């Protein structure tokens, strides 16, 4: 997970630098979450994600976004909207990291282990061993005609943990 997003951000760095500045009242410096640096001008909210912030992020992205706001055992790092409308909510903890991507960046990594349903959302769960032996658990799903992805890495990343985190997802339009 971090590799795909870090590579995506590195490719966008010239675009982000060209954009310059940050929104009024937002962070004036980049924020690092789980080893990934999010540029200040992309950050919609840091440390706390509210419904109002998620709605503003969806407006900036130009499409609905999935967000959690609170993930037990994790701290919210940022909700950022990158050039191209990719929204990412990033979490960190002492045991790993989590991200929600709207829409997903890159190809899914891992082996399909389960199909899941939550209301009208239909998803697939994938598991993979990432670099250094850390686990990666991913739920990639469709809701209202759009793709989303939730990734958990580190100790405790399992299909069940990813499904439990996914079940409480909210959407902002």
Protein backbone atom coordinates (compact mmCIF):
# COMPACT_ATOMS: atom_id res chain seq x y z
CA UNK A 1 0.00 0.00 0.00
CA UNK A 2 2.51 2.68 0.95
CA UNK A 3 4.60 1.92 -2.14
CA UNK A 4 1.74 2.54 -4.60
CA UNK A 5 0.72 5.81 -2.94
CA UNK A 6 4.31 6.99 -2.45
CA UNK A 7 5.07 6.30 -6.12
CA UNK A 8 1.90 8.13 -7.14
CA UNK A 9 2.81 11.14 -4.98
CA UNK A 10 6.39 11.17 -6.31
CA UNK A 11 5.08 11.25 -9.87
CA UNK A 12 2.80 14.16 -8.95
CA UNK A 13 5.46 16.16 -7.09
CA UNK A 14 6.17 18.55 -9.99
CA UNK A 15 2.41 19.20 -10.34
CA UNK A 16 1.95 19.73 -6.60
CA UNK A 17 4.92 22.10 -6.40
CA UNK A 18 3.56 24.05 -9.36
CA UNK A 19 0.23 24.46 -7.56
CA UNK A 20 1.97 26.10 -4.58
CA UNK A 21 0.38 27.45 -1.41
CA UNK A 22 -2.21 25.88 0.85
CA UNK A 23 -5.88 26.51 1.51
CA UNK A 24 -6.76 29.16 4.00
CA UNK A 25 -6.52 27.85 7.54
CA UNK A 26 -4.93 24.59 6.44
CA UNK A 27 -1.49 23.24 7.27
CA UNK A 28 1.36 25.34 5.91
CA UNK A 29 3.72 22.36 5.74
CA UNK A 30 3.55 18.86 4.36
CA UNK A 31 2.35 16.20 6.79
CA UNK A 32 3.93 12.74 6.99
CA UNK A 33 1.76 9.73 7.86
CA UNK A 34 3.21 6.21 7.98
CA UNK A 35 6.21 7.23 5.88
CA UNK A 36 4.26 9.05 3.16
CA UNK A 37 4.48 12.84 2.84
CA UNK A 38 1.27 14.64 1.87
CA UNK A 39 1.76 18.14 0.42
CA UNK A 40 0.23 21.01 2.41
CA UNK A 41 -1.90 22.23 -0.50
CA UNK A 42 -3.54 18.80 -0.82
CA UNK A 43 -4.52 18.43 2.85
CA UNK A 44 -8.19 19.09 3.61
CA UNK A 45 -7.99 18.18 7.31
CA UNK A 46 -5.33 16.86 9.65
CA UNK A 47 -5.72 14.82 12.85
CA UNK A 48 -9.55 14.98 12.79
CA UNK A 49 -11.91 14.24 9.90
CA UNK A 50 -15.38 15.70 10.32
CA UNK A 51 -18.42 15.30 8.07
CA UNK A 52 -17.97 18.92 6.94
CA UNK A 53 -14.32 18.32 6.05
CA UNK A 54 -15.17 15.12 4.16
CA UNK A 55 -17.89 16.99 2.22
CA UNK A 56 -15.42 19.74 1.32
CA UNK A 57 -12.94 17.08 0.19
CA UNK A 58 -15.59 15.45 -1.99
CA UNK A 59 -16.33 18.86 -3.52
CA UNK A 60 -12.65 19.42 -4.25
CA UNK A 61 -12.26 15.89 -5.67
CA UNK A 62 -15.35 16.29 -7.83
CA UNK A 63 -16.83 12.94 -6.82
CA UNK A 64 -18.06 11.07 -3.72
CA UNK A 65 -15.36 9.93 -1.31
CA UNK A 66 -15.30 7.18 1.29
CA UNK A 67 -14.05 8.09 4.74
CA UNK A 68 -13.93 6.66 8.23
CA UNK A 69 -13.23 9.59 10.56
CA UNK A 70 -12.33 7.18 13.37
CA UNK A 71 -10.68 3.78 13.14
CA UNK A 72 -10.22 2.07 16.53
CA UNK A 73 -6.54 1.62 17.35
CA UNK A 74 -5.39 4.21 14.78
CA UNK A 75 -4.84 7.96 14.73
CA UNK A 76 -6.11 9.96 11.77
CA UNK A 77 -3.24 11.60 9.97
CA UNK A 78 -4.80 13.43 7.05
CA UNK A 79 -7.60 13.57 4.55
CA UNK A 80 -5.98 14.84 1.36
CA UNK A 81 -7.17 15.44 -2.20
CA UNK A 82 -4.38 15.09 -4.73
CA UNK A 83 -4.28 16.45 -8.28
CA UNK A 84 -6.56 14.34 -10.46
CA UNK A 85 -9.17 14.06 -7.70
CA UNK A 86 -7.66 11.16 -5.76
CA UNK A 87 -8.80 11.44 -2.13
CA UNK A 88 -6.85 9.61 0.58
CA UNK A 89 -7.63 9.34 4.27
CA UNK A 90 -4.50 8.08 6.02
CA UNK A 91 -4.22 6.63 9.53
CA UNK A 92 -1.26 5.45 11.58
CA UNK A 93 -0.70 3.41 14.72
CA UNK A 94 2.10 1.70 16.59
CA UNK A 95 1.24 -1.54 14.79
CA UNK A 96 0.70 -0.38 11.20
CA UNK A 97 -1.12 1.97 8.89
CA UNK A 98 -4.44 2.27 7.10
CA UNK A 99 -5.67 4.19 4.07
CA UNK A 100 -8.94 4.75 2.30
CA UNK A 101 -8.61 5.73 -1.35
CA UNK A 102 -11.33 7.30 -3.48
CA UNK A 103 -10.80 6.09 -6.23
CA UNK A 104 -8.05 3.47 -5.76
CA UNK A 105 -4.54 4.27 -6.99
CA UNK A 106 -2.93 1.51 -9.03
CA UNK A 107 -3.64 -2.16 -9.28
CA UNK A 108 -4.75 -4.18 -6.30
CA UNK A 109 -1.99 -6.25 -4.65
CA UNK A 110 -2.51 -9.72 -3.24
CA UNK A 111 -4.62 -12.80 -3.61
CA UNK A 112 -8.40 -12.68 -3.52
CA UNK A 113 -9.60 -14.42 -0.37
CA UNK A 114 -13.22 -13.38 0.06
CA UNK A 115 -16.17 -11.51 -1.42
CA UNK A 116 -18.14 -9.20 0.88
CA UNK A 117 -21.43 -7.28 0.81
CA UNK A 118 -22.43 -4.31 2.93
CA UNK A 119 -25.80 -2.88 1.93
CA UNK A 120 -25.53 -2.02 -1.76
CA UNK A 121 -21.70 -2.06 -1.68
CA UNK A 122 -20.00 -5.12 -3.12
CA UNK A 123 -16.34 -5.80 -2.42
CA UNK A 124 -13.44 -8.20 -2.68
CA UNK A 125 -10.86 -8.83 0.05
CA UNK A 126 -7.21 -9.42 -0.85
CA UNK A 127 -4.25 -10.50 1.32
CA UNK A 128 -0.55 -10.11 0.54
CA UNK A 129 2.81 -10.22 2.29
CA UNK A 130 4.39 -6.80 1.72
CA UNK A 131 8.12 -5.99 2.01
CA UNK A 132 9.72 -6.97 5.30
CA UNK A 133 7.06 -9.59 6.02
CA UNK A 134 4.36 -7.06 6.96
CA UNK A 135 0.88 -8.08 5.91
CA UNK A 136 -1.38 -6.12 3.61
CA UNK A 137 -5.15 -6.58 3.77
CA UNK A 138 -7.23 -4.78 1.16
CA UNK A 139 -10.94 -4.37 0.55
CA UNK A 140 -11.71 -2.97 -2.90
CA UNK A 141 -15.36 -2.24 -3.49
CA UNK A 142 -17.95 -0.55 -5.65
CA UNK A 143 -20.68 1.72 -4.31
CA UNK A 144 -22.92 4.01 -6.33
CA UNK A 145 -20.95 3.15 -9.49
CA UNK A 146 -17.58 4.20 -8.08
CA UNK A 147 -14.53 2.24 -6.88
CA UNK A 148 -12.98 2.62 -3.44
CA UNK A 149 -10.21 0.86 -1.50
CA UNK A 150 -9.32 0.35 2.15
CA UNK A 151 -5.82 -0.94 2.99
CA UNK A 152 -4.45 -2.12 6.34
CA UNK A 153 -0.75 -2.91 6.81
CA UNK A 154 1.35 -4.22 9.67
CA UNK A 155 0.62 -6.43 12.63
CA UNK A 156 -3.03 -7.28 12.86
CA UNK A 157 -3.74 -6.68 9.16
CA UNK A 158 -6.11 -9.51 8.33
CA UNK A 159 -9.14 -10.13 6.18
CA UNK A 160 -11.40 -9.88 9.23
CA UNK A 161 -9.81 -6.62 10.44
CA UNK A 162 -10.15 -5.06 6.98
CA UNK A 163 -13.79 -6.16 6.68
CA UNK A 164 -14.60 -4.79 10.15
CA UNK A 165 -13.01 -1.43 9.25
CA UNK A 166 -14.85 -1.39 5.91
CA UNK A 167 -18.27 -1.98 7.44
CA UNK A 168 -18.25 1.42 9.15
CA UNK A 169 -17.34 3.46 6.04
CA UNK A 170 -19.22 6.70 5.41
CA UNK A 171 -19.56 8.56 2.11
CA UNK A 172 -19.39 12.28 1.45
CA UNK A 173 -20.74 13.87 -1.72
